[in-house]
PDB file of N, CA and C in Angstrom:
ATOM      1  N   MET A   1       2.657 -15.372 -11.516  1.00  0.00           N
ATOM      2  CA  MET A   1       2.567 -14.697 -10.398  1.00  0.00           C
ATOM      3  C   MET A   1       1.214 -14.524  -9.939  1.00  0.00           C
ATOM      4  N   PRO A   2       0.724 -14.851  -8.776  1.00  0.00           N
ATOM      5  CA  PRO A   2      -0.767 -14.857  -8.429  1.00  0.00           C
ATOM      6  C   PRO A   2      -1.094 -13.398  -8.227  1.00  0.00           C
ATOM      7  N   LEU A   3      -2.501 -13.183  -8.503  1.00  0.00           N
ATOM      8  CA  LEU A   3      -3.014 -11.797  -8.271  1.00  0.00           C
ATOM      9  C   LEU A   3      -3.146 -11.637  -6.784  1.00  0.00           C
ATOM     10  N   ILE A   4      -2.847 -10.213  -6.272  1.00  0.00           N
ATOM     11  CA  ILE A   4      -3.084  -9.847  -5.113  1.00  0.00           C
ATOM     12  C   ILE A   4      -3.840  -8.755  -4.929  1.00  0.00           C
ATOM     13  N   TYR A   5      -5.050  -8.829  -4.225  1.00  0.00           N
ATOM     14  CA  TYR A   5      -5.994  -7.668  -3.941  1.00  0.00           C
ATOM     15  C   TYR A   5      -5.595  -6.938  -2.815  1.00  0.00           C
ATOM     16  N   MET A   6      -5.733  -5.605  -3.129  1.00  0.00           N
ATOM     17  CA  MET A   6      -5.264  -4.676  -2.002  1.00  0.00           C
ATOM     18  C   MET A   6      -6.376  -3.790  -1.735  1.00  0.00           C
ATOM     19  N   LYS A   7      -6.339  -3.276  -0.409  1.00  0.00           N
ATOM     20  CA  LYS A   7      -7.393  -2.327   0.000  1.00  0.00           C
ATOM     21  C   LYS A   7      -6.452  -1.135   0.582  1.00  0.00           C
ATOM     22  N   GLU A   8      -6.727   0.146   0.177  1.00  0.00           N
ATOM     23  CA  GLU A   8      -5.871   1.299   0.628  1.00  0.00           C
ATOM     24  C   GLU A   8      -6.360   1.659   2.196  1.00  0.00           C
ATOM     25  N   ILE A   9      -5.600   1.857   3.009  1.00  0.00           N
ATOM     26  CA  ILE A   9      -5.661   2.267   4.444  1.00  0.00           C
ATOM     27  C   ILE A   9      -5.630   3.649   4.495  1.00  0.00           C
ATOM     28  N   PHE A  10      -6.647   4.319   4.891  1.00  0.00           N
ATOM     29  CA  PHE A  10      -6.566   5.905   5.267  1.00  0.00           C
ATOM     30  C   PHE A  10      -5.727   6.241   6.273  1.00  0.00           C
ATOM     31  N   THR A  11      -4.598   7.175   6.044  1.00  0.00           N
ATOM     32  CA  THR A  11      -3.900   7.721   6.888  1.00  0.00           C
ATOM     33  C   THR A  11      -3.822   9.316   6.607  1.00  0.00           C
ATOM     34  N   PRO A  12      -3.381  10.000   7.437  1.00  0.00           N
ATOM     35  CA  PRO A  12      -2.978  11.560   7.148  1.00  0.00           C
ATOM     36  C   PRO A  12      -1.936  11.482   6.203  1.00  0.00           C
ATOM     37  N   LEU A  13      -0.951  10.759   6.108  1.00  0.00           N
ATOM     38  CA  LEU A  13       0.062  10.683   5.145  1.00  0.00           C
ATOM     39  C   LEU A  13      -0.430  10.837   3.678  1.00  0.00           C
ATOM     40  N   ARG A  14      -1.469  10.423   3.362  1.00  0.00           N
ATOM     41  CA  ARG A  14      -2.105  10.425   2.020  1.00  0.00           C
ATOM     42  C   ARG A  14      -1.962  11.838   1.389  1.00  0.00           C
ATOM     43  N   MET A  15      -2.138  12.896   2.442  1.00  0.00           N
ATOM     44  CA  MET A  15      -2.133  14.174   1.797  1.00  0.00           C
ATOM     45  C   MET A  15      -0.773  14.731   1.370  1.00  0.00           C
ATOM     46  N   VAL A  16       0.290  14.013   1.684  1.00  0.00           N
ATOM     47  CA  VAL A  16       1.584  14.215   1.249  1.00  0.00           C
ATOM     48  C   VAL A  16       2.163  13.427   0.183  1.00  0.00           C
ATOM     49  N   GLY A  17       1.373  12.331  -0.233  1.00  0.00           N
ATOM     50  CA  GLY A  17       1.676  11.425  -1.428  1.00  0.00           C
ATOM     51  C   GLY A  17       2.075  10.017  -0.779  1.00  0.00           C
ATOM     52  N   ILE A  18       1.943   9.621   0.407  1.00  0.00           N
ATOM     53  CA  ILE A  18       2.261   8.405   0.868  1.00  0.00           C
ATOM     54  C   ILE A  18       1.174   7.502   1.063  1.00  0.00           C
ATOM     55  N   LYS A  19       0.849   6.518   0.380  1.00  0.00           N
ATOM     56  CA  LYS A  19      -0.300   5.604   0.621  1.00  0.00           C
ATOM     57  C   LYS A  19       0.180   4.176   1.216  1.00  0.00           C
ATOM     58  N   ILE A  20      -0.742   3.741   2.099  1.00  0.00           N
ATOM     59  CA  ILE A  20      -0.495   2.273   2.671  1.00  0.00           C
ATOM     60  C   ILE A  20      -1.628   1.546   2.181  1.00  0.00           C
ATOM     61  N   PHE A  21      -1.266   0.391   1.899  1.00  0.00           N
ATOM     62  CA  PHE A  21      -2.228  -0.594   1.271  1.00  0.00           C
ATOM     63  C   PHE A  21      -2.157  -1.958   2.163  1.00  0.00           C
ATOM     64  N   LYS A  22      -3.210  -2.899   2.309  1.00  0.00           N
ATOM     65  CA  LYS A  22      -3.161  -3.956   3.002  1.00  0.00           C
ATOM     66  C   LYS A  22      -3.847  -4.908   1.991  1.00  0.00           C
ATOM     67  N   SER A  23      -3.061  -6.081   1.827  1.00  0.00           N
ATOM     68  CA  SER A  23      -3.333  -7.067   0.943  1.00  0.00           C
ATOM     69  C   SER A  23      -4.531  -8.243   1.548  1.00  0.00           C
ATOM     70  N   THR A  24      -4.911  -8.937   0.821  1.00  0.00           N
ATOM     71  CA  THR A  24      -5.912 -10.018   1.203  1.00  0.00           C
ATOM     72  C   THR A  24      -5.122 -11.066   2.310  1.00  0.00           C
ATOM     73  N   GLU A  25      -3.999 -11.281   2.235  1.00  0.00           N
ATOM     74  CA  GLU A  25      -3.152 -12.075   3.043  1.00  0.00           C
ATOM     75  C   GLU A  25      -2.687 -11.397   4.462  1.00  0.00           C
ATOM     76  N   GLY A  26      -3.017 -10.012   4.467  1.00  0.00           N
ATOM     77  CA  GLY A  26      -2.621  -9.488   5.644  1.00  0.00           C
ATOM     78  C   GLY A  26      -1.394  -8.754   5.608  1.00  0.00           C
ATOM     79  N   GLN A  27      -0.638  -8.640   4.440  1.00  0.00           N
ATOM     80  CA  GLN A  27       0.530  -7.955   4.441  1.00  0.00           C
ATOM     81  C   GLN A  27       0.566  -6.462   3.911  1.00  0.00           C
ATOM     82  N   LEU A  28       1.373  -5.665   4.573  1.00  0.00           N
ATOM     83  CA  LEU A  28       1.256  -4.195   4.262  1.00  0.00           C
ATOM     84  C   LEU A  28       2.227  -3.668   3.255  1.00  0.00           C
ATOM     85  N   TYR A  29       1.855  -2.764   2.528  1.00  0.00           N
ATOM     86  CA  TYR A  29       2.636  -2.221   1.463  1.00  0.00           C
ATOM     87  C   TYR A  29       2.643  -0.859   1.361  1.00  0.00           C
ATOM     88  N   ILE A  30       3.544  -0.220   1.041  1.00  0.00           N
ATOM     89  CA  ILE A  30       3.847   1.261   1.060  1.00  0.00           C
ATOM     90  C   ILE A  30       3.961   1.848  -0.309  1.00  0.00           C
ATOM     91  N   LYS A  31       3.351   2.952  -0.837  1.00  0.00           N
ATOM     92  CA  LYS A  31       3.582   3.582  -2.103  1.00  0.00           C
ATOM     93  C   LYS A  31       3.813   5.135  -1.932  1.00  0.00           C
ATOM     94  N   LEU A  32       4.979   5.454  -2.403  1.00  0.00           N
ATOM     95  CA  LEU A  32       5.405   6.782  -2.285  1.00  0.00           C
ATOM     96  C   LEU A  32       5.186   7.419  -3.711  1.00  0.00           C
ATOM     97  N   GLY A  33       4.447   8.399  -3.723  1.00  0.00           N
ATOM     98  CA  GLY A  33       3.920   9.183  -4.872  1.00  0.00           C
ATOM     99  C   GLY A  33       3.612   8.224  -6.037  1.00  0.00           C
ATOM    100  N   SER A  34       4.282   8.130  -7.367  1.00  0.00           N
ATOM    101  CA  SER A  34       4.090   7.305  -8.412  1.00  0.00           C
ATOM    102  C   SER A  34       4.911   6.185  -8.570  1.00  0.00           C
ATOM    103  N   ARG A  35       5.609   5.880  -7.410  1.00  0.00           N
ATOM    104  CA  ARG A  35       6.602   4.521  -7.450  1.00  0.00           C
ATOM    105  C   ARG A  35       5.721   3.331  -7.148  1.00  0.00           C
ATOM    106  N   HIS A  36       6.470   2.159  -7.505  1.00  0.00           N
ATOM    107  CA  HIS A  36       5.839   0.895  -7.165  1.00  0.00           C
ATOM    108  C   HIS A  36       5.488   0.777  -5.793  1.00  0.00           C
ATOM    109  N   ARG A  37       4.506  -0.043  -5.457  1.00  0.00           N
ATOM    110  CA  ARG A  37       4.459  -0.474  -3.947  1.00  0.00           C
ATOM    111  C   ARG A  37       5.434  -1.379  -3.557  1.00  0.00           C
ATOM    112  N   ARG A  38       5.800  -1.195  -2.306  1.00  0.00           N
ATOM    113  CA  ARG A  38       6.860  -1.834  -1.582  1.00  0.00           C
ATOM    114  C   ARG A  38       6.219  -2.699  -0.701  1.00  0.00           C
ATOM    115  N   HIS A  39       6.570  -3.972  -0.292  1.00  0.00           N
ATOM    116  CA  HIS A  39       6.236  -4.556   0.948  1.00  0.00           C
ATOM    117  C   HIS A  39       7.098  -4.065   2.236  1.00  0.00           C
ATOM    118  N   ILE A  40       6.148  -3.794   3.264  1.00  0.00           N
ATOM    119  CA  ILE A  40       6.822  -3.245   4.593  1.00  0.00           C
ATOM    120  C   ILE A  40       6.928  -4.309   5.751  1.00  0.00           C
ATOM    121  N   PHE A  41       5.639  -5.068   5.892  1.00  0.00           N
ATOM    122  CA  PHE A  41       5.699  -5.938   6.779  1.00  0.00           C
ATOM    123  C   PHE A  41       5.045  -7.323   6.223  1.00  0.00           C
TER     124      PHE A  41
END
């Protein structure tokens, strides 16, 4: 499995534990609390 580098995108949802990440390929991922990142787009 190739390594995927991600950067966190700041949103106000971060205050309630929802984080959004963007990969180097341009795909978006969401992380809810301590769960795994899930691909959304």
